[in-house]
Amino acid sequence: MGLMDKVKAGVKAGAEQAAAKVEEGMERLQTKRELATAYNNLGRKAFELSENGELTHGELQPLLDDVRRLRDELAADTAEAAEAAKEEAPPPEQPPASEQPPASEPPAEA
């Protein structure tokens, strides 16, 4: 086996190892995303159950209060943004006077 063959074999082996590590990392990242989604779903369900009075625990109360506070802040920010957008919107265009319907005219006498 010549020197170039040994270099090629080494590069190929290194590339295969790197690809395997990348794949493992991607699988780990996907599992982390799934775990985060599961925690999110659990939290949402726990919040719903708490709001309905079906789940109570003293340690949950500060967490529930945080969710309510943040939800209310977001709703207020959204309402403010909508109001600001209304104020910034240009007024609707009026057709030129020649195209506007005539003001109510008195009936013509016969």
C-alpha atoms as a PDB file:
ATOM      1  CA  MET A   1       0.000   0.000   0.000  1.00  0.00           C
ATOM      2  CA  GLY A   2       1.467   3.301  -1.075  1.00  0.00           C
ATOM      3  CA  LEU A   3       1.610   6.491   0.936  1.00  0.00           C
ATOM      4  CA  MET A   4      -1.337   8.050  -0.956  1.00  0.00           C
ATOM      5  CA  ASP A   5      -3.468   4.965  -0.298  1.00  0.00           C
ATOM      6  CA  LYS A   6      -2.703   5.225   3.426  1.00  0.00           C
ATOM      7  CA  VAL A   7      -3.586   8.951   3.440  1.00  0.00           C
ATOM      8  CA  LYS A   8      -6.831   8.294   1.572  1.00  0.00           C
ATOM      9  CA  ALA A   9      -7.765   5.478   3.960  1.00  0.00           C
ATOM     10  CA  GLY A  10      -7.022   7.717   6.954  1.00  0.00           C
ATOM     11  CA  VAL A  11      -9.080  10.586   5.556  1.00  0.00           C
ATOM     12  CA  LYS A  12     -11.969   8.245   4.755  1.00  0.00           C
ATOM     13  CA  ALA A  13     -11.909   6.743   8.252  1.00  0.00           C
ATOM     14  CA  GLY A  14     -11.783  10.214   9.808  1.00  0.00           C
ATOM     15  CA  ALA A  15     -14.689  11.402   7.685  1.00  0.00           C
ATOM     16  CA  GLU A  16     -16.763   8.359   8.630  1.00  0.00           C
ATOM     17  CA  GLN A  17     -16.039   8.937  12.322  1.00  0.00           C
ATOM     18  CA  ALA A  18     -16.953  12.611  12.019  1.00  0.00           C
ATOM     19  CA  ALA A  19     -20.194  11.742  10.225  1.00  0.00           C
ATOM     20  CA  ALA A  20     -21.081   9.227  12.948  1.00  0.00           C
ATOM     21  CA  LYS A  21     -20.462  11.837  15.667  1.00  0.00           C
ATOM     22  CA  VAL A  22     -22.586  14.406  13.826  1.00  0.00           C
ATOM     23  CA  GLU A  23     -25.393  11.865  13.501  1.00  0.00           C
ATOM     24  CA  GLU A  24     -25.192  11.042  17.220  1.00  0.00           C
ATOM     25  CA  GLY A  25     -25.297  14.760  17.994  1.00  0.00           C
ATOM     26  CA  MET A  26     -28.346  15.243  15.796  1.00  0.00           C
ATOM     27  CA  GLU A  27     -30.135  12.339  17.479  1.00  0.00           C
ATOM     28  CA  ARG A  28     -29.309  13.808  20.894  1.00  0.00           C
ATOM     29  CA  LEU A  29     -30.570  17.222  19.795  1.00  0.00           C
ATOM     30  CA  GLN A  30     -33.816  15.690  18.521  1.00  0.00           C
ATOM     31  CA  THR A  31     -34.300  13.890  21.839  1.00  0.00           C
ATOM     32  CA  LYS A  32     -33.720  17.166  23.704  1.00  0.00           C
ATOM     33  CA  ARG A  33     -36.350  18.875  21.545  1.00  0.00           C
ATOM     34  CA  GLU A  34     -38.823  16.083  22.199  1.00  0.00           C
ATOM     35  CA  LEU A  35     -38.125  16.338  25.944  1.00  0.00           C
ATOM     36  CA  ALA A  36     -38.691  20.099  25.872  1.00  0.00           C
ATOM     37  CA  THR A  37     -41.971  19.559  24.023  1.00  0.00           C
ATOM     38  CA  ALA A  38     -43.042  16.937  26.572  1.00  0.00           C
ATOM     39  CA  TYR A  39     -42.265  19.346  29.441  1.00  0.00           C
ATOM     40  CA  ASN A  40     -44.188  22.086  27.658  1.00  0.00           C
ATOM     41  CA  ASN A  41     -47.197  19.811  27.171  1.00  0.00           C
ATOM     42  CA  LEU A  42     -47.046  18.702  30.805  1.00  0.00           C
ATOM     43  CA  GLY A  43     -46.883  22.311  31.980  1.00  0.00           C
ATOM     44  CA  ARG A  44     -49.820  23.347  29.830  1.00  0.00           C
ATOM     45  CA  LYS A  45     -51.926  20.444  31.083  1.00  0.00           C
ATOM     46  CA  ALA A  46     -50.968  21.130  34.710  1.00  0.00           C
ATOM     47  CA  PHE A  47     -51.903  24.786  34.243  1.00  0.00           C
ATOM     48  CA  GLU A  48     -55.273  23.851  32.720  1.00  0.00           C
ATOM     49  CA  LEU A  49     -55.999  21.405  35.539  1.00  0.00           C
ATOM     50  CA  SER A  50     -55.026  24.013  38.110  1.00  0.00           C
ATOM     51  CA  GLU A  51     -57.227  26.655  36.489  1.00  0.00           C
ATOM     52  CA  ASN A  52     -60.138  24.197  36.653  1.00  0.00           C
ATOM     53  CA  GLY A  53     -59.440  23.437  40.318  1.00  0.00           C
ATOM     54  CA  GLU A  54     -58.484  19.833  39.557  1.00  0.00           C
ATOM     55  CA  LEU A  55     -54.842  20.202  40.587  1.00  0.00           C
ATOM     56  CA  THR A  56     -53.572  22.011  43.650  1.00  0.00           C
ATOM     57  CA  HIS A  57     -50.223  22.086  45.375  1.00  0.00           C
ATOM     58  CA  GLY A  58     -48.477  24.856  47.268  1.00  0.00           C
ATOM     59  CA  GLU A  59     -45.279  24.578  45.240  1.00  0.00           C
ATOM     60  CA  LEU A  60     -47.212  25.119  42.011  1.00  0.00           C
ATOM     61  CA  GLN A  61     -48.697  28.445  43.068  1.00  0.00           C
ATOM     62  CA  PRO A  62     -45.668  30.678  42.314  1.00  0.00           C
ATOM     63  CA  LEU A  63     -45.243  28.996  38.930  1.00  0.00           C
ATOM     64  CA  LEU A  64     -48.921  29.430  38.122  1.00  0.00           C
ATOM     65  CA  ASP A  65     -48.739  33.078  39.164  1.00  0.00           C
ATOM     66  CA  ASP A  66     -45.775  33.587  36.806  1.00  0.00           C
ATOM     67  CA  VAL A  67     -47.693  32.067  33.894  1.00  0.00           C
ATOM     68  CA  ARG A  68     -50.730  34.240  34.598  1.00  0.00           C
ATOM     69  CA  ARG A  69     -48.607  37.390  34.904  1.00  0.00           C
ATOM     70  CA  LEU A  70     -46.727  36.706  31.677  1.00  0.00           C
ATOM     71  CA  ARG A  71     -49.925  35.802  29.845  1.00  0.00           C
ATOM     72  CA  ASP A  72     -51.547  39.060  30.990  1.00  0.00           C
ATOM     73  CA  GLU A  73     -48.464  41.084  29.974  1.00  0.00           C
ATOM     74  CA  LEU A  74     -48.504  39.505  26.529  1.00  0.00           C
ATOM     75  CA  ALA A  75     -52.214  40.209  26.106  1.00  0.00           C
ATOM     76  CA  ALA A  76     -51.699  43.850  27.121  1.00  0.00           C
ATOM     77  CA  ASP A  77     -48.736  44.223  24.740  1.00  0.00           C
ATOM     78  CA  THR A  78     -50.746  42.676  21.917  1.00  0.00           C
ATOM     79  CA  ALA A  79     -53.677  45.022  22.581  1.00  0.00           C
ATOM     80  CA  GLU A  80     -51.351  48.046  22.661  1.00  0.00           C
ATOM     81  CA  ALA A  81     -49.717  46.986  19.398  1.00  0.00           C
ATOM     82  CA  ALA A  82     -53.117  46.557  17.740  1.00  0.00           C
ATOM     83  CA  GLU A  83     -54.216  49.986  18.956  1.00  0.00           C
ATOM     84  CA  ALA A  84     -50.988  51.581  17.732  1.00  0.00           C
ATOM     85  CA  ALA A  85     -51.439  49.934  14.336  1.00  0.00           C
ATOM     86  CA  LYS A  86     -54.961  51.381  14.096  1.00  0.00           C
ATOM     87  CA  GLU A  87     -53.699  54.871  14.909  1.00  0.00           C
ATOM     88  CA  GLU A  88     -50.910  54.622  12.336  1.00  0.00           C
ATOM     89  CA  ALA A  89     -53.163  53.338   9.559  1.00  0.00           C
ATOM     90  CA  PRO A  90     -54.042  55.985   6.969  1.00  0.00           C
ATOM     91  CA  PRO A  91     -57.707  56.942   6.730  1.00  0.00           C
ATOM     92  CA  PRO A  92     -59.657  55.177   4.001  1.00  0.00           C
ATOM     93  CA  GLU A  93     -59.472  56.953   0.662  1.00  0.00           C
ATOM     94  CA  GLN A  94     -62.508  58.954  -0.382  1.00  0.00           C
ATOM     95  CA  PRO A  95     -63.499  58.959  -4.040  1.00  0.00           C
ATOM     96  CA  PRO A  96     -63.133  62.307  -5.828  1.00  0.00           C
ATOM     97  CA  ALA A  97     -66.089  64.664  -5.420  1.00  0.00           C
ATOM     98  CA  SER A  98     -67.149  64.061  -9.016  1.00  0.00           C
ATOM     99  CA  GLU A  99     -67.581  60.363  -8.254  1.00  0.00           C
ATOM    100  CA  GLN A 100     -69.348  60.766  -4.921  1.00  0.00           C
ATOM    101  CA  PRO A 101     -73.095  60.217  -4.902  1.00  0.00           C
ATOM    102  CA  PRO A 102     -75.060  63.478  -4.725  1.00  0.00           C
ATOM    103  CA  ALA A 103     -76.306  64.613  -1.348  1.00  0.00           C
ATOM    104  CA  SER A 104     -79.938  63.908  -0.806  1.00  0.00           C
ATOM    105  CA  GLU A 105     -81.746  66.291  -3.114  1.00  0.00           C
ATOM    106  CA  PRO A 106     -85.312  67.369  -2.593  1.00  0.00           C
ATOM    107  CA  PRO A 107     -87.744  65.515  -4.830  1.00  0.00           C
ATOM    108  CA  ALA A 108     -88.424  67.233  -8.143  1.00  0.00           C
ATOM    109  CA  GLU A 109     -91.850  68.824  -8.409  1.00  0.00           C
ATOM    110  CA  ALA A 110     -94.107  67.553 -11.138  1.00  0.00           C
END
